[in-house]
Amino acid sequence: MKLYYTANACSLASNIALREAGLKFELVKVDRKTRKAADGLDYDEVNPKGYVPALTLDNGEVLTENVAVLQYIADRNPAAKLAPPAGTMERYRLMEWLSYINSEIHKTFSPLFRAEAPEGAKEWARNSLPRRLDYAQSALGSKSYLMGEQFTVADAYLYVVLGWGRHVNFDIGRWPQLQRLHERVGARPHTVEALKSEGLLK
């Protein structure tokens, strides 16, 4: 498998998950400006949607969209318990979290990274994020991870998104339980490996 990524993008969650699952994969960096991948391919041919992650499978198929890629990775090694078994209520709860992180938190951060975004869009994002994080903190409560005491791919995704706060002057320290989750996931050996592989940690 090949994981196409850009440093510190949401693809970092898949990088972490692949390591947690113990799967063999090749990490391929995509240049944000030229759209060229480190393996020589034009990234827009790999994923016509134009964004990361993209996971090229051993049979040549390409899987995109973080919510799908993360669950695919989890299902390749059920023993790692990165996702509850398919068909269980717990699995739907995981999908609920992945969807919420993707559509409500990740996408709300997006305007803050775009120089071309109107100031009104950035103000909307700054005003909207607290409510979304309030919910996440309330739902997390005193649990170690989003699903309880078991780390899952949803924690990897939330870890990455929360980490963006420091790059856009948005302090997640206002949500202490989320801050602790971020620190807990950040201390996991496979997270450290993933950060180093993307040049985000020495």
Foldseek 3Di string as FASTA:
>chain_A
DEWEAEALALSLLLLLLLVLLVHDYHYWYADPPQCAIPVGDNVCVQPVVSHDTWDQDPVRDIDGDLLVSQVVSCVVRVVSVQAPDPPDPRNVVLSVLVVLCVPQQQVLCVLLPDPPRDVVSVVCSLVRNVVSVVVQLVCCDPALANSHPRHHSSLSSLLSSQVCCVVRVHDPVVRVSSVNSNVVVCPDPSSVVSCVVNVNHD
